[in-house]
Every structure is written in C-alpha cells, then in structure tokens.
C-alpha cells in the first residue's frame, strides 16, 4: 500500500514550471543583450557571456523533462523472505514413483 503523497506532479504543472524557467532565462538573456550595448569595460564580457551561454542552459533545463519519481515508501513492511526447508537425504535403495 502506498501513500497518495507519492504521486508525481501533474503533467500540466510540470510543463508550466519548465516554461516559466525557460522564459525567465530568456528574459535575463535579453537583458544581457541590451546591457551589452550600454555597459563599459569588463561588464561587456559578462553580458556577452550571459547572452551566449544562457540560451544553451535554458534549452537544456527546459528539455530536461519530468523529474524522476523516487520510489514511494511503502506503508506496510515488505514480506519476509521465505525460509528454505532442510534438504532430505537421498536414499539410493528406495524406489520412487515416477
């Protein structure tokens, strides 16, 4: 018997969360592109790196798919292993029915 809380998230919730992550990353990338034209010095390099690498990370995280469900905890303990019966000695003089 498993607890109901071990059910995975709904597909619509998962897609929504990935979409929000992607759009947030693309918003930061757009900001980097605009700031690239405005900021001086080494900040240009930081914004340029953000504009180049954020799309790759955004696509990677958006396409990651659903999280892997963890094995749910059972409410009942697993059954014990069956015990092995002792082997009976074999007697070659005994006739066995076939």
N, C-alpha and C. Protein backbone atom coordinates (compact mmCIF):
# COMPACT_ATOMS: atom_id res chain seq x y z
N UNK A 1 0.85 -1.16 0.00
CA UNK A 1 0.00 0.00 0.00
C UNK A 1 0.91 1.24 0.00
N UNK A 2 0.60 2.21 -0.84
CA UNK A 2 1.43 3.40 -0.98
C UNK A 2 0.64 4.64 -0.56
N UNK A 3 1.36 5.63 -0.10
CA UNK A 3 0.74 6.88 0.31
C UNK A 3 0.37 7.69 -0.93
N UNK A 4 -0.71 8.43 -0.88
CA UNK A 4 -1.15 9.24 -2.01
C UNK A 4 -0.15 10.36 -2.29
N UNK A 5 0.62 10.78 -1.30
CA UNK A 5 1.57 11.87 -1.50
C UNK A 5 2.75 11.45 -2.36
N UNK A 6 2.87 10.17 -2.67
CA UNK A 6 3.97 9.73 -3.51
C UNK A 6 3.63 9.84 -5.00
N UNK A 7 2.44 10.34 -5.32
CA UNK A 7 2.05 10.51 -6.72
C UNK A 7 2.88 11.62 -7.36
N UNK A 8 3.28 11.48 -8.63
CA UNK A 8 4.08 12.53 -9.28
C UNK A 8 3.25 13.77 -9.55
N UNK A 9 3.95 14.89 -9.85
CA UNK A 9 3.25 16.12 -10.19
C UNK A 9 2.47 15.94 -11.48
N UNK A 10 1.43 16.70 -11.62
CA UNK A 10 0.63 16.64 -12.85
C UNK A 10 1.46 17.15 -14.03
N UNK A 11 1.18 16.62 -15.20
CA UNK A 11 1.93 17.00 -16.40
C UNK A 11 1.79 18.48 -16.68
N UNK A 12 0.60 19.04 -16.50
CA UNK A 12 0.38 20.47 -16.76
C UNK A 12 1.24 21.32 -15.83
N UNK A 13 1.36 20.94 -14.56
CA UNK A 13 2.20 21.68 -13.62
C UNK A 13 3.67 21.60 -14.02
N UNK A 14 4.09 20.43 -14.47
CA UNK A 14 5.48 20.25 -14.87
C UNK A 14 5.81 21.09 -16.09
N UNK A 15 4.94 21.09 -17.08
CA UNK A 15 5.16 21.88 -18.29
C UNK A 15 5.17 23.37 -17.95
N UNK A 16 4.27 23.79 -17.07
CA UNK A 16 4.21 25.20 -16.67
C UNK A 16 5.51 25.62 -15.97
N UNK A 17 6.01 24.78 -15.07
CA UNK A 17 7.24 25.11 -14.35
C UNK A 17 8.43 25.21 -15.31
N UNK A 18 8.52 24.28 -16.27
CA UNK A 18 9.62 24.35 -17.25
C UNK A 18 9.49 25.58 -18.14
N UNK A 19 8.26 25.95 -18.52
CA UNK A 19 8.05 27.13 -19.35
C UNK A 19 8.47 28.39 -18.60
N UNK A 20 8.10 28.49 -17.33
CA UNK A 20 8.48 29.66 -16.53
C UNK A 20 10.00 29.76 -16.42
N UNK A 21 10.68 28.63 -16.18
CA UNK A 21 12.15 28.64 -16.10
C UNK A 21 12.76 29.10 -17.42
N UNK A 22 12.24 28.61 -18.53
CA UNK A 22 12.76 28.97 -19.85
C UNK A 22 12.56 30.46 -20.12
N UNK A 23 11.36 30.95 -19.87
CA UNK A 23 11.07 32.36 -20.16
C UNK A 23 11.87 33.29 -19.24
N UNK A 24 12.08 32.89 -18.01
CA UNK A 24 12.91 33.69 -17.10
C UNK A 24 14.34 33.77 -17.62
N UNK A 25 14.87 32.65 -18.04
CA UNK A 25 16.23 32.63 -18.58
C UNK A 25 16.33 33.47 -19.86
N UNK A 26 15.33 33.41 -20.71
CA UNK A 26 15.36 34.19 -21.93
C UNK A 26 15.20 35.68 -21.62
N UNK A 27 14.47 36.03 -20.57
CA UNK A 27 14.37 37.43 -20.15
C UNK A 27 15.72 37.95 -19.67
N UNK A 28 16.45 37.14 -18.92
CA UNK A 28 17.78 37.53 -18.47
C UNK A 28 18.71 37.66 -19.68
N UNK A 29 18.58 36.77 -20.64
CA UNK A 29 19.41 36.84 -21.85
C UNK A 29 19.13 38.12 -22.62
N UNK A 30 17.86 38.48 -22.75
CA UNK A 30 17.50 39.72 -23.45
C UNK A 30 18.09 40.92 -22.72
N UNK A 31 18.05 40.89 -21.40
CA UNK A 31 18.66 41.98 -20.62
C UNK A 31 20.16 42.05 -20.88
N UNK A 32 20.81 40.90 -20.96
CA UNK A 32 22.25 40.86 -21.26
C UNK A 32 22.54 41.46 -22.63
N UNK A 33 21.69 41.16 -23.60
CA UNK A 33 21.90 41.70 -24.95
C UNK A 33 21.77 43.22 -24.96
N UNK A 34 20.79 43.73 -24.24
CA UNK A 34 20.60 45.19 -24.18
C UNK A 34 21.74 45.84 -23.41
N UNK A 35 22.11 45.25 -22.27
CA UNK A 35 23.21 45.80 -21.47
C UNK A 35 24.54 45.73 -22.20
N UNK A 36 24.68 44.81 -23.11
CA UNK A 36 25.91 44.69 -23.89
C UNK A 36 26.18 45.98 -24.67
N UNK A 37 25.14 46.67 -25.07
CA UNK A 37 25.28 47.92 -25.82
C UNK A 37 25.53 49.12 -24.92
N UNK A 38 25.26 48.98 -23.61
CA UNK A 38 25.28 50.13 -22.72
C UNK A 38 26.47 50.13 -21.76
N UNK A 39 26.81 48.99 -21.19
CA UNK A 39 27.81 48.96 -20.11
C UNK A 39 29.23 49.01 -20.66
N UNK A 40 30.14 49.62 -19.88
CA UNK A 40 31.55 49.68 -20.31
C UNK A 40 32.40 48.60 -19.66
N UNK A 41 33.60 48.43 -20.16
CA UNK A 41 34.63 47.61 -19.51
C UNK A 41 34.33 46.12 -19.49
N UNK A 42 34.74 45.50 -18.40
CA UNK A 42 34.61 44.04 -18.29
C UNK A 42 33.17 43.58 -18.14
N UNK A 43 32.25 44.51 -17.81
CA UNK A 43 30.83 44.14 -17.75
C UNK A 43 30.32 43.72 -19.12
N UNK A 44 30.92 44.29 -20.17
CA UNK A 44 30.54 43.87 -21.54
C UNK A 44 30.79 42.39 -21.73
N UNK A 45 31.93 41.91 -21.20
CA UNK A 45 32.27 40.49 -21.33
C UNK A 45 31.29 39.62 -20.53
N UNK A 46 30.91 40.09 -19.37
CA UNK A 46 29.95 39.33 -18.54
C UNK A 46 28.60 39.24 -19.26
N UNK A 47 28.14 40.37 -19.79
CA UNK A 47 26.86 40.37 -20.51
C UNK A 47 26.94 39.55 -21.80
N UNK A 48 28.09 39.62 -22.47
CA UNK A 48 28.26 38.82 -23.69
C UNK A 48 28.23 37.33 -23.39
N UNK A 49 28.90 36.94 -22.31
CA UNK A 49 28.89 35.52 -21.92
C UNK A 49 27.47 35.08 -21.55
N UNK A 50 26.75 35.96 -20.84
CA UNK A 50 25.37 35.63 -20.50
C UNK A 50 24.49 35.49 -21.73
N UNK A 51 24.70 36.37 -22.70
CA UNK A 51 23.90 36.31 -23.93
C UNK A 51 24.23 35.07 -24.75
N UNK A 52 25.46 34.57 -24.64
CA UNK A 52 25.85 33.39 -25.42
C UNK A 52 25.45 32.09 -24.72
N UNK A 53 25.72 31.99 -23.41
CA UNK A 53 25.55 30.71 -22.73
C UNK A 53 24.16 30.50 -22.13
N UNK A 54 23.42 31.57 -21.84
CA UNK A 54 22.09 31.37 -21.26
C UNK A 54 21.12 30.63 -22.18
N UNK A 55 21.12 30.85 -23.51
CA UNK A 55 20.20 30.07 -24.35
C UNK A 55 20.48 28.57 -24.28
N UNK A 56 21.76 28.21 -24.23
CA UNK A 56 22.08 26.78 -24.14
C UNK A 56 21.56 26.18 -22.84
N UNK A 57 21.79 26.88 -21.74
CA UNK A 57 21.32 26.39 -20.45
C UNK A 57 19.80 26.37 -20.37
N UNK A 58 19.17 27.40 -20.95
CA UNK A 58 17.70 27.46 -20.91
C UNK A 58 17.08 26.29 -21.64
N UNK A 59 17.59 25.98 -22.81
CA UNK A 59 17.06 24.85 -23.59
C UNK A 59 17.35 23.53 -22.87
N UNK A 60 18.54 23.42 -22.30
CA UNK A 60 18.89 22.20 -21.57
C UNK A 60 17.94 21.96 -20.41
N UNK A 61 17.67 23.00 -19.62
CA UNK A 61 16.78 22.84 -18.47
C UNK A 61 15.32 22.69 -18.89
N UNK A 62 14.91 23.35 -19.98
CA UNK A 62 13.52 23.24 -20.43
C UNK A 62 13.23 21.86 -20.99
N UNK A 63 14.22 21.24 -21.63
CA UNK A 63 14.01 19.92 -22.22
C UNK A 63 14.35 18.78 -21.27
N UNK A 64 14.65 19.10 -20.04
CA UNK A 64 15.04 18.07 -19.08
C UNK A 64 13.89 17.10 -18.82
N UNK A 65 12.67 17.51 -19.05
CA UNK A 65 11.54 16.61 -18.86
C UNK A 65 11.12 16.52 -17.41
N UNK A 66 10.26 15.58 -17.17
CA UNK A 66 9.72 15.41 -15.83
C UNK A 66 10.79 14.88 -14.90
N UNK A 67 10.65 15.25 -13.64
CA UNK A 67 11.60 14.74 -12.66
C UNK A 67 11.38 13.25 -12.47
N UNK A 68 12.43 12.55 -12.15
CA UNK A 68 12.33 11.12 -11.93
C UNK A 68 11.67 10.88 -10.58
N UNK A 69 10.57 10.13 -10.59
CA UNK A 69 9.91 9.90 -9.29
C UNK A 69 10.77 9.00 -8.42
N UNK A 70 10.79 9.34 -7.15
CA UNK A 70 11.50 8.50 -6.20
C UNK A 70 10.61 7.31 -5.87
N UNK A 71 11.25 6.25 -5.49
CA UNK A 71 10.50 5.06 -5.11
C UNK A 71 9.65 5.41 -3.89
N UNK A 72 8.33 5.25 -3.98
CA UNK A 72 7.49 5.61 -2.84
C UNK A 72 7.75 4.69 -1.65
N UNK A 73 7.59 5.29 -0.48
CA UNK A 73 7.75 4.49 0.72
C UNK A 73 6.50 3.66 0.95
N UNK A 74 6.68 2.42 1.21
CA UNK A 74 5.54 1.54 1.47
C UNK A 74 5.06 1.77 2.90
N UNK A 75 3.76 1.77 3.06
CA UNK A 75 3.20 1.92 4.40
C UNK A 75 3.31 0.63 5.19
N UNK A 76 3.33 -0.50 4.49
CA UNK A 76 3.48 -1.79 5.15
C UNK A 76 4.89 -2.31 4.89
N UNK A 77 5.47 -2.99 5.86
CA UNK A 77 6.82 -3.51 5.63
C UNK A 77 6.79 -4.62 4.58
N UNK A 78 7.89 -4.82 3.85
CA UNK A 78 7.91 -5.88 2.84
C UNK A 78 7.81 -7.25 3.51
N UNK A 79 7.23 -8.22 2.81
CA UNK A 79 7.10 -9.55 3.42
C UNK A 79 8.48 -10.17 3.66
N UNK A 80 8.55 -11.00 4.67
CA UNK A 80 9.81 -11.67 4.98
C UNK A 80 10.15 -12.66 3.87
N UNK A 81 11.44 -12.92 3.74
CA UNK A 81 11.90 -13.90 2.77
C UNK A 81 11.41 -15.29 3.19
N UNK A 82 10.98 -16.11 2.21
CA UNK A 82 10.56 -17.47 2.59
C UNK A 82 11.76 -18.26 3.09
N UNK A 83 11.52 -19.04 4.11
CA UNK A 83 12.61 -19.82 4.68
C UNK A 83 12.83 -21.09 3.86
N UNK A 84 14.08 -21.47 3.72
CA UNK A 84 14.44 -22.67 2.98
C UNK A 84 14.18 -23.89 3.87
N UNK A 85 13.55 -24.90 3.30
CA UNK A 85 13.34 -26.15 4.03
C UNK A 85 14.63 -26.95 4.01
N UNK A 86 14.90 -27.70 5.05
CA UNK A 86 16.12 -28.52 5.04
C UNK A 86 16.00 -29.61 3.97
N UNK A 87 17.12 -29.92 3.33
CA UNK A 87 17.13 -30.95 2.29
C UNK A 87 17.07 -32.32 2.95
N UNK A 88 16.25 -33.17 2.39
CA UNK A 88 16.15 -34.53 2.89
C UNK A 88 17.26 -35.37 2.27
N UNK A 89 17.79 -36.31 3.02
CA UNK A 89 18.85 -37.14 2.44
C UNK A 89 18.28 -38.05 1.36
N UNK A 90 19.08 -38.32 0.37
CA UNK A 90 18.68 -39.17 -0.75
C UNK A 90 19.12 -40.59 -0.43
N UNK A 91 18.17 -41.51 -0.55
CA UNK A 91 18.47 -42.92 -0.29
C UNK A 91 18.41 -43.67 -1.63
N UNK A 92 19.56 -44.19 -2.13
CA UNK A 92 19.55 -44.84 -3.44
C UNK A 92 18.81 -46.18 -3.43
N UNK A 93 18.56 -46.80 -2.29
CA UNK A 93 17.88 -48.08 -2.24
C UNK A 93 16.36 -47.94 -2.27
N UNK A 94 15.85 -46.73 -2.10
CA UNK A 94 14.42 -46.54 -2.06
C UNK A 94 13.89 -46.43 -3.48
N UNK A 95 12.73 -47.10 -3.74
CA UNK A 95 12.09 -47.00 -5.04
C UNK A 95 11.13 -45.82 -5.02
N UNK A 96 11.26 -44.96 -6.04
CA UNK A 96 10.41 -43.78 -6.12
C UNK A 96 9.38 -43.98 -7.22
N UNK A 97 8.19 -43.44 -6.99
CA UNK A 97 7.15 -43.49 -8.02
C UNK A 97 7.44 -42.43 -9.07
N UNK A 98 7.25 -42.81 -10.30
CA UNK A 98 7.52 -41.86 -11.36
C UNK A 98 6.25 -41.33 -11.95
